[in-house]
């Protein structure tokens, strides 16, 4: 079972694999636009945080393994949530989610 979940987690970018791995009763219908935007922003921040961790791990020899095993599932889940909430924002014809503030260059 673990092998199946791991294999699907790596492919969670697709809707089918994502729905199989992350199947939960989200109850998105009950969320208003403000709540959806808040959750979208949280998921987007989680994606950025995971990307930063993955970039840092890439500098080591074990980076690809660490990224796949340790950070990959959390990153896939955050991307799935981001797409889920973004799709619901579009479906409900809410104003687009506000763009996230970009970090200033160093």
N, C-alpha and C. Protein backbone atom coordinates (compact mmCIF):
# COMPACT_ATOMS: atom_id res chain seq x y z
N UNK A 1 0.83 -1.20 0.00
CA UNK A 1 0.00 0.00 0.00
C UNK A 1 0.87 1.25 0.00
N UNK A 2 1.95 1.23 0.82
CA UNK A 2 2.83 2.39 0.87
C UNK A 2 3.41 2.70 -0.49
N UNK A 3 3.78 1.66 -1.24
CA UNK A 3 4.36 1.86 -2.58
C UNK A 3 3.36 2.54 -3.50
N UNK A 4 2.11 2.14 -3.42
CA UNK A 4 1.08 2.73 -4.27
C UNK A 4 0.89 4.20 -3.92
N UNK A 5 0.80 4.50 -2.64
CA UNK A 5 0.62 5.88 -2.20
C UNK A 5 1.82 6.71 -2.59
N UNK A 6 3.02 6.17 -2.41
CA UNK A 6 4.24 6.90 -2.77
C UNK A 6 4.27 7.16 -4.27
N UNK A 7 3.92 6.16 -5.06
CA UNK A 7 3.92 6.34 -6.51
C UNK A 7 2.89 7.39 -6.92
N UNK A 8 1.73 7.34 -6.31
CA UNK A 8 0.70 8.33 -6.65
C UNK A 8 1.06 9.72 -6.15
N UNK A 9 1.73 9.80 -5.01
CA UNK A 9 2.12 11.11 -4.48
C UNK A 9 3.08 11.80 -5.44
N UNK A 10 3.94 11.04 -6.08
CA UNK A 10 4.84 11.63 -7.05
C UNK A 10 4.12 12.12 -8.28
N UNK A 11 2.97 11.58 -8.56
CA UNK A 11 2.19 11.97 -9.73
C UNK A 11 0.98 12.82 -9.35
N UNK A 12 0.98 13.36 -8.16
CA UNK A 12 -0.20 14.04 -7.65
C UNK A 12 -0.52 15.32 -8.39
N UNK A 13 0.30 15.70 -9.35
CA UNK A 13 0.00 16.88 -10.13
C UNK A 13 -1.22 16.64 -11.02
N UNK A 14 -1.52 15.38 -11.32
CA UNK A 14 -2.70 15.10 -12.13
C UNK A 14 -3.94 15.07 -11.24
N UNK A 15 -5.05 15.40 -11.81
CA UNK A 15 -6.29 15.44 -11.02
C UNK A 15 -6.68 14.06 -10.49
N UNK A 16 -6.55 13.03 -11.31
CA UNK A 16 -6.95 11.70 -10.89
C UNK A 16 -6.10 11.22 -9.73
N UNK A 17 -4.79 11.30 -9.89
CA UNK A 17 -3.91 10.84 -8.81
C UNK A 17 -4.14 11.67 -7.55
N UNK A 18 -4.30 12.96 -7.70
CA UNK A 18 -4.54 13.82 -6.55
C UNK A 18 -5.82 13.47 -5.83
N UNK A 19 -6.86 13.20 -6.60
CA UNK A 19 -8.13 12.88 -5.95
C UNK A 19 -8.06 11.53 -5.25
N UNK A 20 -7.26 10.60 -5.76
CA UNK A 20 -7.11 9.30 -5.10
C UNK A 20 -6.31 9.41 -3.81
N UNK A 21 -5.25 10.22 -3.84
CA UNK A 21 -4.38 10.34 -2.67
C UNK A 21 -4.97 11.25 -1.61
N UNK A 22 -5.53 12.36 -2.02
CA UNK A 22 -5.97 13.38 -1.07
C UNK A 22 -7.48 13.45 -0.92
N UNK A 23 -8.17 12.37 -1.21
CA UNK A 23 -9.62 12.37 -1.16
C UNK A 23 -10.09 12.71 0.25
N UNK A 24 -10.72 13.83 0.39
CA UNK A 24 -11.24 14.27 1.68
C UNK A 24 -12.56 14.99 1.44
N UNK A 25 -13.42 14.97 2.42
CA UNK A 25 -14.68 15.73 2.28
C UNK A 25 -14.43 17.21 2.57
N UNK A 26 -13.94 17.93 1.57
CA UNK A 26 -13.61 19.34 1.78
C UNK A 26 -14.84 20.18 2.07
N UNK A 27 -15.97 19.86 1.50
CA UNK A 27 -17.15 20.68 1.71
C UNK A 27 -16.96 22.10 1.22
N UNK A 28 -16.39 22.24 0.03
CA UNK A 28 -16.07 23.57 -0.49
C UNK A 28 -17.30 24.44 -0.70
N UNK A 29 -18.44 23.82 -0.86
CA UNK A 29 -19.65 24.60 -1.09
C UNK A 29 -19.97 25.54 0.06
N UNK A 30 -19.57 25.15 1.25
CA UNK A 30 -19.90 25.97 2.43
C UNK A 30 -18.98 27.17 2.59
N UNK A 31 -17.85 27.22 1.86
CA UNK A 31 -16.92 28.32 1.99
C UNK A 31 -17.33 29.49 1.11
N UNK A 32 -17.30 30.69 1.68
CA UNK A 32 -17.56 31.88 0.87
C UNK A 32 -16.25 32.29 0.18
N UNK A 33 -16.33 33.32 -0.65
CA UNK A 33 -15.17 33.76 -1.42
C UNK A 33 -14.00 34.18 -0.52
N UNK A 34 -14.30 34.86 0.56
CA UNK A 34 -13.23 35.32 1.45
C UNK A 34 -12.48 34.14 2.05
N UNK A 35 -13.21 33.11 2.48
CA UNK A 35 -12.57 31.93 3.07
C UNK A 35 -11.77 31.17 2.01
N UNK A 36 -12.30 31.06 0.81
CA UNK A 36 -11.57 30.38 -0.26
C UNK A 36 -10.27 31.11 -0.58
N UNK A 37 -10.33 32.43 -0.64
CA UNK A 37 -9.12 33.21 -0.93
C UNK A 37 -8.09 33.06 0.18
N UNK A 38 -8.56 33.02 1.41
CA UNK A 38 -7.65 32.84 2.55
C UNK A 38 -6.96 31.48 2.46
N UNK A 39 -7.72 30.44 2.17
CA UNK A 39 -7.15 29.10 2.07
C UNK A 39 -6.23 28.98 0.85
N UNK A 40 -6.58 29.65 -0.24
CA UNK A 40 -5.72 29.67 -1.42
C UNK A 40 -4.38 30.33 -1.09
N UNK A 41 -4.44 31.44 -0.37
CA UNK A 41 -3.21 32.13 0.01
C UNK A 41 -2.35 31.27 0.94
N UNK A 42 -2.99 30.56 1.87
CA UNK A 42 -2.25 29.67 2.77
C UNK A 42 -1.58 28.54 1.99
N UNK A 43 -2.31 27.96 1.05
CA UNK A 43 -1.74 26.88 0.24
C UNK A 43 -0.59 27.41 -0.62
N UNK A 44 -0.74 28.61 -1.16
CA UNK A 44 0.31 29.21 -1.98
C UNK A 44 1.56 29.47 -1.16
N UNK A 45 1.37 29.92 0.07
CA UNK A 45 2.52 30.16 0.95
C UNK A 45 3.21 28.84 1.31
N UNK A 46 2.43 27.80 1.51
CA UNK A 46 2.99 26.47 1.79
C UNK A 46 3.80 25.98 0.60
N UNK A 47 3.30 26.20 -0.62
CA UNK A 47 4.04 25.82 -1.83
C UNK A 47 5.38 26.54 -1.87
N UNK A 48 5.37 27.84 -1.61
CA UNK A 48 6.61 28.62 -1.63
C UNK A 48 7.58 28.13 -0.55
N UNK A 49 7.07 27.83 0.63
CA UNK A 49 7.93 27.35 1.71
C UNK A 49 8.56 26.00 1.35
N UNK A 50 7.77 25.11 0.77
CA UNK A 50 8.30 23.82 0.36
C UNK A 50 9.33 23.98 -0.75
N UNK A 51 9.09 24.90 -1.68
CA UNK A 51 10.05 25.15 -2.75
C UNK A 51 11.38 25.66 -2.19
N UNK A 52 11.31 26.52 -1.17
CA UNK A 52 12.54 27.01 -0.54
C UNK A 52 13.32 25.86 0.11
N UNK A 53 12.60 24.98 0.81
CA UNK A 53 13.25 23.83 1.44
C UNK A 53 13.87 22.91 0.39
N UNK A 54 13.14 22.70 -0.69
CA UNK A 54 13.63 21.82 -1.75
C UNK A 54 14.85 22.43 -2.44
N UNK A 55 14.84 23.73 -2.63
CA UNK A 55 16.00 24.40 -3.24
C UNK A 55 17.23 24.25 -2.35
N UNK A 56 17.04 24.41 -1.05
CA UNK A 56 18.14 24.30 -0.11
C UNK A 56 18.68 22.86 -0.10
N UNK A 57 17.79 21.88 -0.13
CA UNK A 57 18.22 20.48 -0.11
C UNK A 57 18.92 20.08 -1.41
N UNK A 58 18.59 20.73 -2.50
CA UNK A 58 19.18 20.40 -3.79
C UNK A 58 20.69 20.61 -3.82
N UNK A 59 21.20 21.41 -2.90
CA UNK A 59 22.62 21.68 -2.85
C UNK A 59 23.46 20.51 -2.34
N UNK A 60 22.84 19.51 -1.76
CA UNK A 60 23.59 18.37 -1.22
C UNK A 60 23.51 17.18 -2.18
N UNK A 61 24.38 16.22 -1.96
CA UNK A 61 24.38 15.01 -2.80
C UNK A 61 23.09 14.21 -2.64
N UNK A 62 22.52 14.25 -1.46
CA UNK A 62 21.28 13.50 -1.20
C UNK A 62 20.05 14.33 -1.51
N UNK A 63 20.22 15.51 -2.06
CA UNK A 63 19.11 16.42 -2.33
C UNK A 63 17.94 15.82 -3.08
N UNK A 64 18.17 15.14 -4.22
CA UNK A 64 17.04 14.57 -4.95
C UNK A 64 16.24 13.56 -4.13
N UNK A 65 16.94 12.76 -3.34
CA UNK A 65 16.24 11.77 -2.50
C UNK A 65 15.46 12.47 -1.40
N UNK A 66 16.08 13.44 -0.75
CA UNK A 66 15.40 14.19 0.31
C UNK A 66 14.18 14.91 -0.27
N UNK A 67 14.34 15.52 -1.42
CA UNK A 67 13.22 16.24 -2.04
C UNK A 67 12.06 15.31 -2.36
N UNK A 68 12.38 14.13 -2.86
CA UNK A 68 11.33 13.18 -3.23
C UNK A 68 10.66 12.57 -2.01
N UNK A 69 11.45 12.13 -1.06
CA UNK A 69 10.91 11.38 0.07
C UNK A 69 10.37 12.29 1.17
N UNK A 70 11.12 13.33 1.50
CA UNK A 70 10.75 14.17 2.65
C UNK A 70 9.82 15.30 2.23
N UNK A 71 10.22 16.08 1.24
CA UNK A 71 9.46 17.28 0.88
C UNK A 71 8.41 17.05 -0.21
N UNK A 72 8.60 16.04 -1.02
CA UNK A 72 7.71 15.79 -2.15
C UNK A 72 6.24 15.66 -1.78
N UNK A 73 5.90 14.81 -0.80
CA UNK A 73 4.48 14.66 -0.46
C UNK A 73 3.82 15.96 0.04
N UNK A 74 4.54 16.71 0.88
CA UNK A 74 3.98 17.97 1.37
C UNK A 74 3.83 18.98 0.25
N UNK A 75 4.81 19.00 -0.65
CA UNK A 75 4.74 19.92 -1.80
C UNK A 75 3.56 19.56 -2.70
N UNK A 76 3.40 18.27 -2.97
CA UNK A 76 2.28 17.83 -3.82
C UNK A 76 0.94 18.16 -3.19
N UNK A 77 0.86 17.97 -1.89
CA UNK A 77 -0.39 18.27 -1.18
C UNK A 77 -0.70 19.77 -1.24
N UNK A 78 0.32 20.60 -1.04
CA UNK A 78 0.11 22.05 -1.09
C UNK A 78 -0.30 22.48 -2.49
N UNK A 79 0.32 21.90 -3.53
CA UNK A 79 -0.06 22.24 -4.91
C UNK A 79 -1.49 21.80 -5.18
N UNK A 80 -1.86 20.62 -4.67
CA UNK A 80 -3.22 20.13 -4.86
C UNK A 80 -4.22 21.07 -4.20
N UNK A 81 -3.94 21.48 -2.96
CA UNK A 81 -4.83 22.41 -2.27
C UNK A 81 -4.92 23.73 -3.02
N UNK A 82 -3.78 24.23 -3.50
CA UNK A 82 -3.76 25.49 -4.24
C UNK A 82 -4.67 25.39 -5.48
N UNK A 83 -4.55 24.31 -6.21
CA UNK A 83 -5.40 24.13 -7.40
C UNK A 83 -6.86 23.96 -7.02
N UNK A 84 -7.12 23.23 -5.95
CA UNK A 84 -8.48 22.98 -5.52
C UNK A 84 -9.18 24.29 -5.16
N UNK A 85 -8.53 25.09 -4.32
CA UNK A 85 -9.15 26.35 -3.90
C UNK A 85 -9.21 27.35 -5.06
N UNK A 86 -8.18 27.38 -5.89
CA UNK A 86 -8.19 28.26 -7.06
C UNK A 86 -9.32 27.91 -8.02
N UNK A 87 -9.53 26.61 -8.22
CA UNK A 87 -10.63 26.17 -9.09
C UNK A 87 -11.98 26.53 -8.52
N UNK A 88 -12.12 26.42 -7.22
CA UNK A 88 -13.40 26.78 -6.58
C UNK A 88 -13.64 28.27 -6.64
N UNK A 89 -12.58 29.07 -6.52
CA UNK A 89 -12.70 30.53 -6.66
C UNK A 89 -13.23 30.87 -8.04
N UNK A 90 -12.68 30.20 -9.06
CA UNK A 90 -13.16 30.43 -10.43
C UNK A 90 -14.59 29.95 -10.61
N UNK A 91 -14.90 28.77 -10.07
CA UNK A 91 -16.24 28.20 -10.23
C UNK A 91 -17.31 29.08 -9.61
N UNK A 92 -16.98 29.70 -8.48
CA UNK A 92 -17.95 30.56 -7.80
C UNK A 92 -17.93 31.99 -8.33
N UNK A 93 -17.12 32.24 -9.34
CA UNK A 93 -17.00 33.57 -9.94
C UNK A 93 -16.62 34.63 -8.92
N UNK A 94 -15.75 34.26 -8.01
CA UNK A 94 -15.21 35.23 -7.05
C UNK A 94 -14.20 36.09 -7.80
N UNK A 95 -13.89 37.25 -7.24
CA UNK A 95 -12.79 38.02 -7.79
C UNK A 95 -11.56 37.13 -7.70
N UNK A 96 -10.63 37.28 -8.62
CA UNK A 96 -9.42 36.44 -8.54
C UNK A 96 -8.72 36.62 -7.19
N UNK A 97 -8.05 35.56 -6.77
CA UNK A 97 -7.29 35.64 -5.53
C UNK A 97 -6.21 36.70 -5.68
N UNK A 98 -5.98 37.50 -4.66
CA UNK A 98 -4.96 38.54 -4.77
C UNK A 98 -3.60 37.91 -4.98
N UNK A 99 -2.78 38.53 -5.84
CA UNK A 99 -1.45 37.96 -6.04
C UNK A 99 -0.65 38.05 -4.75
N UNK A 100 0.17 37.06 -4.53
CA UNK A 100 1.01 37.05 -3.34
C UNK A 100 2.14 38.04 -3.51
N UNK A 101 2.51 38.68 -2.45
CA UNK A 101 3.61 39.65 -2.49
C UNK A 101 4.90 38.92 -2.82
N UNK A 102 5.62 39.43 -3.78
CA UNK A 102 6.90 38.84 -4.16
C UNK A 102 7.97 39.34 -3.20
N UNK A 103 8.90 38.44 -2.91
CA UNK A 103 9.99 38.83 -2.03
C UNK A 103 10.91 39.80 -2.77
N UNK A 104 11.36 40.86 -2.12
CA UNK A 104 12.25 41.81 -2.79
C UNK A 104 13.59 41.15 -3.09
N UNK A 105 14.23 41.53 -4.21
CA UNK A 105 15.53 40.94 -4.51
C UNK A 105 16.56 41.35 -3.46
N UNK A 106 17.49 40.48 -3.22
CA UNK A 106 18.51 40.74 -2.19
C UNK A 106 19.67 41.49 -2.77
